[in-house]
């Protein structure tokens, strides 16, 4: 491992760990918007699988 990679890794950890300690706001809403995104992602994935199977 090069010394540059070691220094970069240590400096990244020093900046990231304090940011992770702050946590999320107490009442973060995870409801309708996330459900819509998950459903859209599932539909898109099924469409891609169907297209891949039709082209084979």
N, C-alpha and C. Protein backbone atom coordinates (compact mmCIF):
# COMPACT_ATOMS: atom_id res chain seq x y z
N UNK A 1 0.84 -1.18 0.00
CA UNK A 1 0.00 0.00 0.00
C UNK A 1 0.88 1.23 0.00
N UNK A 2 0.50 2.19 -0.77
CA UNK A 2 1.31 3.39 -0.83
C UNK A 2 0.97 4.33 0.33
N UNK A 3 1.89 5.17 0.64
CA UNK A 3 1.71 6.12 1.74
C UNK A 3 0.57 7.11 1.43
N UNK A 4 0.39 7.42 0.15
CA UNK A 4 -0.69 8.33 -0.24
C UNK A 4 -2.05 7.72 0.07
N UNK A 5 -2.20 6.44 -0.22
CA UNK A 5 -3.48 5.77 0.05
C UNK A 5 -3.76 5.71 1.55
N UNK A 6 -2.74 5.48 2.34
CA UNK A 6 -2.90 5.43 3.80
C UNK A 6 -3.31 6.79 4.34
N UNK A 7 -2.65 7.83 3.89
CA UNK A 7 -2.99 9.19 4.34
C UNK A 7 -4.40 9.57 3.92
N UNK A 8 -4.78 9.23 2.69
CA UNK A 8 -6.12 9.53 2.20
C UNK A 8 -7.18 8.79 3.01
N UNK A 9 -6.94 7.54 3.34
CA UNK A 9 -7.90 6.76 4.12
C UNK A 9 -8.07 7.34 5.52
N UNK A 10 -6.97 7.66 6.16
CA UNK A 10 -7.04 8.22 7.52
C UNK A 10 -7.74 9.57 7.52
N UNK A 11 -7.43 10.44 6.56
CA UNK A 11 -8.08 11.75 6.53
C UNK A 11 -9.56 11.63 6.22
N UNK A 12 -9.95 10.67 5.38
CA UNK A 12 -11.36 10.47 5.09
C UNK A 12 -12.10 10.02 6.35
N UNK A 13 -11.52 9.10 7.09
CA UNK A 13 -12.16 8.64 8.32
C UNK A 13 -12.30 9.77 9.34
N UNK A 14 -11.32 10.64 9.40
CA UNK A 14 -11.39 11.75 10.36
C UNK A 14 -12.52 12.72 10.03
N UNK A 15 -12.85 12.87 8.74
CA UNK A 15 -13.92 13.78 8.36
C UNK A 15 -15.29 13.11 8.38
N UNK A 16 -15.36 11.82 8.10
CA UNK A 16 -16.65 11.14 7.97
C UNK A 16 -17.22 10.74 9.32
N UNK A 17 -16.39 10.25 10.23
CA UNK A 17 -16.91 9.77 11.51
C UNK A 17 -17.65 10.82 12.31
N UNK A 18 -17.18 12.06 12.43
CA UNK A 18 -17.97 13.06 13.16
C UNK A 18 -19.30 13.38 12.47
N UNK A 19 -19.34 13.32 11.16
CA UNK A 19 -20.58 13.59 10.45
C UNK A 19 -21.60 12.49 10.71
N UNK A 20 -21.16 11.25 10.84
CA UNK A 20 -22.07 10.14 11.10
C UNK A 20 -22.62 10.19 12.53
N UNK A 21 -21.92 10.82 13.42
CA UNK A 21 -22.34 10.87 14.82
C UNK A 21 -23.55 11.78 15.03
N UNK A 22 -23.87 12.64 14.05
CA UNK A 22 -24.98 13.57 14.22
C UNK A 22 -26.32 12.87 14.15
N UNK A 23 -26.46 11.84 13.35
CA UNK A 23 -27.71 11.10 13.27
C UNK A 23 -28.75 11.80 12.42
N UNK A 24 -29.90 11.19 12.33
CA UNK A 24 -31.00 11.72 11.53
C UNK A 24 -31.89 12.60 12.42
N UNK A 25 -32.64 13.49 11.80
CA UNK A 25 -33.62 14.27 12.58
C UNK A 25 -34.63 13.33 13.23
N UNK A 26 -35.21 13.71 14.35
CA UNK A 26 -36.06 12.78 15.10
C UNK A 26 -37.31 12.29 14.36
N UNK A 27 -37.91 13.09 13.54
CA UNK A 27 -39.17 12.69 12.89
C UNK A 27 -39.03 12.73 11.37
N UNK A 28 -38.12 11.95 10.83
CA UNK A 28 -37.92 11.92 9.40
C UNK A 28 -39.05 11.12 8.76
N UNK A 29 -39.86 11.77 7.91
CA UNK A 29 -40.99 11.04 7.31
C UNK A 29 -40.55 10.11 6.17
N UNK A 30 -40.89 8.86 6.29
CA UNK A 30 -40.63 7.89 5.22
C UNK A 30 -41.99 7.25 4.95
N UNK A 31 -42.70 7.83 3.97
CA UNK A 31 -44.04 7.32 3.74
C UNK A 31 -44.35 7.29 2.25
N UNK A 32 -45.29 8.07 1.79
CA UNK A 32 -45.80 8.01 0.43
C UNK A 32 -44.76 8.15 -0.66
N UNK A 33 -43.86 9.09 -0.53
CA UNK A 33 -42.87 9.33 -1.57
C UNK A 33 -41.95 8.13 -1.77
N UNK A 34 -41.52 7.54 -0.69
CA UNK A 34 -40.63 6.38 -0.79
C UNK A 34 -41.36 5.18 -1.37
N UNK A 35 -42.63 5.02 -1.01
CA UNK A 35 -43.42 3.91 -1.56
C UNK A 35 -43.58 4.05 -3.07
N UNK A 36 -43.81 5.26 -3.53
CA UNK A 36 -43.96 5.50 -4.97
C UNK A 36 -42.65 5.21 -5.69
N UNK A 37 -41.53 5.64 -5.11
CA UNK A 37 -40.23 5.36 -5.74
C UNK A 37 -39.93 3.87 -5.80
N UNK A 38 -40.24 3.15 -4.73
CA UNK A 38 -40.02 1.70 -4.72
C UNK A 38 -40.90 1.00 -5.75
N UNK A 39 -42.15 1.42 -5.86
CA UNK A 39 -43.05 0.81 -6.84
C UNK A 39 -42.58 1.10 -8.26
N UNK A 40 -42.17 2.34 -8.52
CA UNK A 40 -41.68 2.70 -9.85
C UNK A 40 -40.42 1.93 -10.19
N UNK A 41 -39.53 1.75 -9.23
CA UNK A 41 -38.31 0.98 -9.46
C UNK A 41 -38.62 -0.48 -9.75
N UNK A 42 -39.58 -1.05 -9.04
CA UNK A 42 -39.98 -2.43 -9.30
C UNK A 42 -40.59 -2.61 -10.68
N UNK A 43 -41.45 -1.69 -11.07
CA UNK A 43 -42.06 -1.74 -12.40
C UNK A 43 -41.00 -1.60 -13.48
N UNK A 44 -40.08 -0.70 -13.29
CA UNK A 44 -39.00 -0.50 -14.27
C UNK A 44 -38.14 -1.76 -14.38
N UNK A 45 -37.82 -2.37 -13.25
CA UNK A 45 -37.03 -3.60 -13.27
C UNK A 45 -37.75 -4.73 -13.98
N UNK A 46 -39.04 -4.88 -13.72
CA UNK A 46 -39.81 -5.92 -14.41
C UNK A 46 -39.86 -5.68 -15.91
N UNK A 47 -40.01 -4.42 -16.29
CA UNK A 47 -40.04 -4.08 -17.72
C UNK A 47 -38.71 -4.43 -18.37
N UNK A 48 -37.59 -4.12 -17.70
CA UNK A 48 -36.27 -4.44 -18.26
C UNK A 48 -36.08 -5.95 -18.39
N UNK A 49 -36.54 -6.72 -17.38
CA UNK A 49 -36.44 -8.17 -17.46
C UNK A 49 -37.27 -8.73 -18.61
N UNK A 50 -38.47 -8.19 -18.78
CA UNK A 50 -39.35 -8.65 -19.87
C UNK A 50 -38.72 -8.34 -21.22
N UNK A 51 -38.18 -7.14 -21.37
CA UNK A 51 -37.53 -6.76 -22.64
C UNK A 51 -36.31 -7.63 -22.92
N UNK A 52 -35.55 -7.95 -21.88
CA UNK A 52 -34.36 -8.79 -22.05
C UNK A 52 -34.75 -10.20 -22.47
N UNK A 53 -35.82 -10.73 -21.86
CA UNK A 53 -36.28 -12.07 -22.18
C UNK A 53 -36.86 -12.11 -23.61
N UNK A 54 -37.56 -11.05 -24.05
CA UNK A 54 -38.13 -11.00 -25.39
C UNK A 54 -37.05 -10.91 -26.46
N UNK A 55 -35.94 -10.24 -26.17
CA UNK A 55 -34.87 -10.07 -27.15
C UNK A 55 -33.99 -11.32 -27.26
N UNK A 56 -34.04 -12.20 -26.26
CA UNK A 56 -33.19 -13.40 -26.29
C UNK A 56 -33.77 -14.50 -27.14
